[in-house]
Amino acid sequence: MARGHLAVAVHVGAATTAESVALAGHAASIGADAMTCVTPWYYRYDEETLAEHFAAVAATALARGAAGFVSGLARVIPEPYAPLWTAWEGGDHGAVQRWDRWIGDVTRLTADGARLDYFKHLLARRGVPVGHTRPPLAWASETEIDALAAKLQVRFAEAAITLGKGAR
């Protein structure tokens, strides 16, 4: 409960940008406390198209008073998001670009969020075991995760982030 009422999150993800923008506008107009928006489904989109989609949805939400975002990657690797937000709020565009590039690189290494098993493995290595994915979702081998972790360690070292040596 927030402000004496049940907090309401409205999902605004849809197959098209126009639908998502309309849903975001509606959610704001009815006083939603939060909005969520998944990637448009069905077709494969390039990075630029997805950025334009989410920018349009975010612009609608921000115009109606939104003050933040939630990232799937941030659930696993939250460290870069506070300095990214601080840089954004402070108008430090150079830092925003650096953190955005870093987050983009890590997002690509983690299969753009399409491999939930990567997130679960990484959480376990960070000391937060959350179990396995359920079929038909993939479950990466330890060899595959070791290779991913080695690539991530390079990026993490640049940002002074520790992957950790939690449960495997």
Protein backbone atom coordinates (compact mmCIF):
# COMPACT_ATOMS: atom_id res chain seq x y z
CA MET A 1 0.00 0.00 0.00
CA ALA A 2 1.16 3.49 -0.82
CA ARG A 3 -0.46 6.81 0.05
CA GLY A 4 -3.33 4.93 1.69
CA HIS A 5 -4.24 2.93 -1.39
CA LEU A 6 -3.19 -0.24 -3.12
CA ALA A 7 -0.31 0.48 -5.50
CA VAL A 8 -1.24 -0.39 -9.08
CA ALA A 9 1.23 -1.26 -11.84
CA VAL A 10 -0.18 -1.31 -15.36
CA HIS A 11 1.44 -3.28 -18.14
CA VAL A 12 1.65 -1.19 -21.31
CA GLY A 13 3.59 -3.54 -23.58
CA ALA A 14 1.95 -4.26 -26.92
CA ALA A 15 2.82 -5.44 -30.41
CA THR A 16 3.12 -1.88 -31.77
CA THR A 17 4.57 1.38 -30.54
CA ALA A 18 1.27 3.19 -31.09
CA GLU A 19 -0.56 0.68 -28.88
CA SER A 20 2.08 0.88 -26.13
CA VAL A 21 2.05 4.70 -26.20
CA ALA A 22 -1.76 4.73 -26.00
CA LEU A 23 -1.70 2.27 -23.11
CA ALA A 24 0.96 4.33 -21.30
CA GLY A 25 -1.15 7.46 -21.72
CA HIS A 26 -4.20 5.65 -20.39
CA ALA A 27 -2.27 4.20 -17.43
CA ALA A 28 -1.06 7.68 -16.49
CA SER A 29 -4.54 9.17 -16.90
CA ILE A 30 -6.05 6.69 -14.44
CA GLY A 31 -3.32 7.33 -11.87
CA ALA A 32 -1.24 4.16 -12.19
CA ASP A 33 1.60 4.04 -9.68
CA ALA A 34 3.88 2.22 -12.11
CA MET A 35 4.05 0.96 -15.67
CA THR A 36 5.83 -2.00 -17.20
CA CYS A 37 6.55 -2.51 -20.87
CA VAL A 38 7.97 -5.62 -22.51
CA THR A 39 9.69 -5.69 -25.86
CA PRO A 40 7.23 -5.94 -28.75
CA TRP A 41 6.89 -9.57 -29.69
CA TYR A 42 6.37 -11.62 -32.81
CA TYR A 43 8.97 -10.01 -35.06
CA ARG A 44 12.67 -9.54 -34.40
CA TYR A 45 13.63 -5.86 -34.12
CA ASP A 46 17.01 -4.19 -34.41
CA GLU A 47 18.46 -2.18 -31.54
CA GLU A 48 17.65 1.21 -33.08
CA THR A 49 14.00 0.32 -33.64
CA LEU A 50 13.63 -0.95 -30.07
CA ALA A 51 15.32 2.18 -28.71
CA GLU A 52 12.84 4.33 -30.65
CA HIS A 53 9.93 2.21 -29.36
CA PHE A 54 10.95 2.48 -25.71
CA ALA A 55 11.83 6.17 -26.11
CA ALA A 56 8.28 6.87 -27.35
CA VAL A 57 6.73 4.93 -24.46
CA ALA A 58 9.08 6.59 -21.94
CA ALA A 59 8.35 10.05 -23.36
CA THR A 60 4.64 9.46 -22.81
CA ALA A 61 5.22 8.20 -19.28
CA LEU A 62 7.63 11.03 -18.41
CA ALA A 63 5.26 13.65 -19.82
CA ARG A 64 2.68 12.31 -17.39
CA GLY A 65 4.98 12.43 -14.36
CA ALA A 66 6.96 9.18 -14.35
CA ALA A 67 10.30 9.35 -12.57
CA GLY A 68 12.27 6.21 -13.35
CA PHE A 69 12.48 2.84 -15.03
CA VAL A 70 13.01 -0.83 -14.29
CA SER A 71 15.47 -2.93 -16.24
CA GLY A 72 15.61 -6.71 -16.42
CA LEU A 73 19.40 -6.55 -16.32
CA ALA A 74 19.25 -4.32 -13.25
CA ARG A 75 17.74 -7.20 -11.29
CA VAL A 76 20.99 -9.09 -11.81
CA ILE A 77 23.57 -6.32 -12.14
CA PRO A 78 22.16 -3.23 -10.40
CA GLU A 79 25.43 -1.39 -9.82
CA PRO A 80 25.58 0.77 -12.98
CA TYR A 81 22.03 2.10 -12.75
CA ALA A 82 22.47 4.47 -9.79
CA PRO A 83 25.44 6.28 -11.37
CA LEU A 84 23.62 6.33 -14.72
CA TRP A 85 20.61 8.00 -13.09
CA THR A 86 22.81 10.40 -11.13
CA ALA A 87 24.60 11.39 -14.33
CA TRP A 88 21.26 11.87 -16.09
CA GLU A 89 19.86 14.00 -13.28
CA GLY A 90 23.08 16.04 -13.17
CA GLY A 91 23.23 16.60 -16.92
CA ASP A 92 26.56 14.76 -17.25
CA HIS A 93 25.96 13.54 -20.80
CA GLY A 94 29.45 12.05 -21.12
CA ALA A 95 28.87 9.81 -18.10
CA VAL A 96 25.39 8.92 -19.34
CA GLN A 97 26.88 7.81 -22.66
CA ARG A 98 29.65 5.81 -20.95
CA TRP A 99 27.19 3.98 -18.66
CA ASP A 100 24.77 3.45 -21.54
CA ARG A 101 27.54 1.87 -23.63
CA TRP A 102 28.62 -0.29 -20.69
CA ILE A 103 25.06 -1.46 -20.03
CA GLY A 104 24.56 -2.08 -23.77
CA ASP A 105 27.71 -4.20 -23.94
CA VAL A 106 26.66 -6.28 -20.93
CA THR A 107 23.13 -6.59 -22.30
CA ARG A 108 24.50 -8.00 -25.55
CA LEU A 109 26.77 -10.42 -23.65
CA THR A 110 23.74 -11.70 -21.77
CA ALA A 111 21.81 -12.36 -25.01
CA ASP A 112 19.75 -9.17 -24.75
CA GLY A 113 17.82 -10.67 -21.85
CA ALA A 114 16.55 -13.54 -23.99
CA ARG A 115 18.37 -16.15 -21.91
CA LEU A 116 16.73 -16.17 -18.49
CA ASP A 117 19.08 -18.99 -17.54
CA TYR A 118 22.03 -16.60 -17.86
CA PHE A 119 20.41 -14.29 -15.33
CA LYS A 120 19.69 -17.17 -12.94
CA HIS A 121 23.25 -18.49 -13.19
CA LEU A 122 24.69 -15.00 -12.63
CA LEU A 123 22.44 -14.39 -9.63
CA ALA A 124 23.63 -17.69 -8.13
CA ARG A 125 27.25 -16.67 -8.66
CA ARG A 126 26.45 -13.41 -6.91
CA GLY A 127 25.16 -15.35 -3.90
CA VAL A 128 21.44 -15.23 -4.74
CA PRO A 129 20.43 -18.72 -5.87
CA VAL A 130 17.02 -18.57 -7.55
CA GLY A 131 16.79 -22.06 -9.04
CA HIS A 132 16.62 -23.35 -12.57
CA THR A 133 14.55 -22.26 -15.52
CA ARG A 134 11.57 -24.43 -16.35
CA PRO A 135 11.18 -26.25 -19.65
CA PRO A 136 11.09 -25.39 -22.44
CA LEU A 137 13.53 -22.60 -21.45
CA ALA A 138 17.22 -23.37 -21.87
CA TRP A 139 19.61 -24.13 -19.02
CA ALA A 140 23.23 -23.28 -19.86
CA SER A 141 26.07 -25.60 -18.97
CA GLU A 142 28.64 -24.54 -16.41
CA THR A 143 31.18 -24.37 -19.24
CA GLU A 144 28.97 -21.91 -21.12
CA ILE A 145 28.44 -19.82 -17.97
CA ASP A 146 32.17 -19.88 -17.16
CA ALA A 147 32.84 -18.44 -20.65
CA LEU A 148 30.14 -15.79 -20.15
CA ALA A 149 31.50 -14.93 -16.69
CA ALA A 150 35.02 -14.52 -18.11
CA LYS A 151 33.73 -12.02 -20.70
CA LEU A 152 31.70 -10.19 -18.06
CA GLN A 153 34.68 -9.99 -15.68
CA VAL A 154 36.47 -7.78 -18.21
CA ARG A 155 33.53 -5.37 -18.39
CA PHE A 156 32.96 -5.55 -14.62
CA ALA A 157 36.59 -4.68 -13.89
CA GLU A 158 36.19 -1.51 -15.98
CA ALA A 159 33.28 -0.46 -13.75
CA ALA A 160 34.73 -1.75 -10.45
CA ILE A 161 31.91 -4.32 -10.11
CA THR A 162 32.49 -7.77 -8.62
CA LEU A 163 30.70 -10.76 -10.09
CA GLY A 164 31.27 -12.79 -6.93
CA LYS A 165 31.87 -16.44 -6.36
CA GLY A 166 28.49 -17.54 -5.03
CA ALA A 167 26.83 -20.90 -5.48
CA ARG A 168 27.11 -22.61 -8.84
